Amino acid sequence: MSGEHFLVVGTDTGVGKTVFVGLFARYL
């Protein structure tokens, strides 16, 4: 799964967005 696709799905579901933010924070 590409990062862009994951971001779109996360933003659309809301729950996925929280997961995306959590994963994004790990890379910071």
PDB file of N, CA and C in Angstrom:
ATOM      1  N   MET A   1       0.850  -1.205   0.000  1.00  0.00           N
ATOM      2  CA  MET A   1       0.000   0.000   0.000  1.00  0.00           C
ATOM      3  C   MET A   1       0.878   1.245   0.000  1.00  0.00           C
ATOM      4  N   SER A   2       0.606   2.141  -0.931  1.00  0.00           N
ATOM      5  CA  SER A   2       1.407   3.354  -1.032  1.00  0.00           C
ATOM      6  C   SER A   2       1.063   4.320   0.092  1.00  0.00           C
ATOM      7  N   GLY A   3       1.975   5.213   0.401  1.00  0.00           N
ATOM      8  CA  GLY A   3       1.746   6.188   1.464  1.00  0.00           C
ATOM      9  C   GLY A   3       0.581   7.099   1.137  1.00  0.00           C
ATOM     10  N   GLU A   4       0.468   7.488  -0.125  1.00  0.00           N
ATOM     11  CA  GLU A   4      -0.611   8.395  -0.524  1.00  0.00           C
ATOM     12  C   GLU A   4      -1.965   7.723  -0.353  1.00  0.00           C
ATOM     13  N   HIS A   5      -2.045   6.456  -0.772  1.00  0.00           N
ATOM     14  CA  HIS A   5      -3.308   5.724  -0.653  1.00  0.00           C
ATOM     15  C   HIS A   5      -3.691   5.585   0.817  1.00  0.00           C
ATOM     16  N   PHE A   6      -2.717   5.271   1.656  1.00  0.00           N
ATOM     17  CA  PHE A   6      -2.964   5.096   3.083  1.00  0.00           C
ATOM     18  C   PHE A   6      -3.453   6.402   3.699  1.00  0.00           C
ATOM     19  N   LEU A   7      -2.872   7.517   3.241  1.00  0.00           N
ATOM     20  CA  LEU A   7      -3.258   8.828   3.756  1.00  0.00           C
ATOM     21  C   LEU A   7      -4.695   9.151   3.380  1.00  0.00           C
ATOM     22  N   VAL A   8      -5.065   8.846   2.136  1.00  0.00           N
ATOM     23  CA  VAL A   8      -6.427   9.106   1.664  1.00  0.00           C
ATOM     24  C   VAL A   8      -7.431   8.282   2.460  1.00  0.00           C
ATOM     25  N   VAL A   9      -7.126   7.004   2.643  1.00  0.00           N
ATOM     26  CA  VAL A   9      -8.024   6.124   3.396  1.00  0.00           C
ATOM     27  C   VAL A   9      -8.127   6.596   4.846  1.00  0.00           C
ATOM     28  N   GLY A  10      -6.995   6.952   5.433  1.00  0.00           N
ATOM     29  CA  GLY A  10      -6.986   7.402   6.826  1.00  0.00           C
ATOM     30  C   GLY A  10      -7.801   8.664   7.023  1.00  0.00           C
ATOM     31  N   THR A  11      -7.658   9.609   6.096  1.00  0.00           N
ATOM     32  CA  THR A  11      -8.384  10.870   6.205  1.00  0.00           C
ATOM     33  C   THR A  11      -9.874  10.643   6.028  1.00  0.00           C
ATOM     34  N   ASP A  12     -10.230   9.682   5.182  1.00  0.00           N
ATOM     35  CA  ASP A  12     -11.640   9.416   4.882  1.00  0.00           C
ATOM     36  C   ASP A  12     -12.337   8.695   6.031  1.00  0.00           C
ATOM     37  N   THR A  13     -11.622   7.821   6.716  1.00  0.00           N
ATOM     38  CA  THR A  13     -12.237   7.027   7.773  1.00  0.00           C
ATOM     39  C   THR A  13     -12.185   7.725   9.125  1.00  0.00           C
ATOM     40  N   GLY A  14     -11.205   8.585   9.321  1.00  0.00           N
ATOM     41  CA  GLY A  14     -11.084   9.258  10.614  1.00  0.00           C
ATOM     42  C   GLY A  14     -10.276   8.404  11.574  1.00  0.00           C
ATOM     43  N   VAL A  15     -10.696   7.151  11.744  1.00  0.00           N
ATOM     44  CA  VAL A  15      -9.963   6.228  12.610  1.00  0.00           C
ATOM     45  C   VAL A  15      -8.592   5.956  12.008  1.00  0.00           C
ATOM     46  N   GLY A  16      -8.582   5.736  10.703  1.00  0.00           N
ATOM     47  CA  GLY A  16      -7.319   5.499  10.010  1.00  0.00           C
ATOM     48  C   GLY A  16      -6.414   6.714  10.101  1.00  0.00           C
ATOM     49  N   LYS A  17      -7.026   7.892  10.148  1.00  0.00           N
ATOM     50  CA  LYS A  17      -6.248   9.127  10.253  1.00  0.00           C
ATOM     51  C   LYS A  17      -5.484   9.144  11.566  1.00  0.00           C
ATOM     52  N   THR A  18      -6.126   8.683  12.620  1.00  0.00           N
ATOM     53  CA  THR A  18      -5.470   8.632  13.921  1.00  0.00           C
ATOM     54  C   THR A  18      -4.275   7.686  13.872  1.00  0.00           C
ATOM     55  N   VAL A  19      -4.462   6.562  13.188  1.00  0.00           N
ATOM     56  CA  VAL A  19      -3.386   5.586  13.045  1.00  0.00           C
ATOM     57  C   VAL A  19      -2.257   6.187  12.223  1.00  0.00           C
ATOM     58  N   PHE A  20      -2.620   6.907  11.155  1.00  0.00           N
ATOM     59  CA  PHE A  20      -1.621   7.529  10.292  1.00  0.00           C
ATOM     60  C   PHE A  20      -0.804   8.546  11.070  1.00  0.00           C
ATOM     61  N   VAL A  21      -1.471   9.337  11.880  1.00  0.00           N
ATOM     62  CA  VAL A  21      -0.778  10.346  12.687  1.00  0.00           C
ATOM     63  C   VAL A  21       0.172   9.663  13.664  1.00  0.00           C
ATOM     64  N   GLY A  22      -0.279   8.539  14.229  1.00  0.00           N
ATOM     65  CA  GLY A  22       0.556   7.799  15.167  1.00  0.00           C
ATOM     66  C   GLY A  22       1.803   7.262  14.487  1.00  0.00           C
ATOM     67  N   LEU A  23       1.632   6.725  13.270  1.00  0.00           N
ATOM     68  CA  LEU A  23       2.768   6.205  12.518  1.00  0.00           C
ATOM     69  C   LEU A  23       3.672   7.340  12.077  1.00  0.00           C
ATOM     70  N   PHE A  24       3.075   8.463  11.687  1.00  0.00           N
ATOM     71  CA  PHE A  24       3.839   9.624  11.243  1.00  0.00           C
ATOM     72  C   PHE A  24       4.705  10.153  12.384  1.00  0.00           C
ATOM     73  N   ALA A  25       4.153  10.132  13.594  1.00  0.00           N
ATOM     74  CA  ALA A  25       4.882  10.622  14.760  1.00  0.00           C
ATOM     75  C   ALA A  25       6.111   9.757  15.029  1.00  0.00           C
ATOM     76  N   ARG A  26       6.022   8.479  14.703  1.00  0.00           N
ATOM     77  CA  ARG A  26       7.156   7.576  14.930  1.00  0.00           C
ATOM     78  C   ARG A  26       8.341   7.935  14.043  1.00  0.00           C
ATOM     79  N   TYR A  27       8.038   8.449  12.835  1.00  0.00           N
ATOM     80  CA  TYR A  27       9.104   8.797  11.909  1.00  0.00           C
ATOM     81  C   TYR A  27       9.743  10.135  12.253  1.00  0.00           C
ATOM     82  N   LEU A  28       9.087  10.926  13.083  1.00  0.00           N
ATOM     83  CA  LEU A  28       9.636  12.237  13.453  1.00  0.00           C
ATOM     84  C   LEU A  28      10.691  12.086  14.536  1.00  0.00           C
TER      85      LEU A  28
END
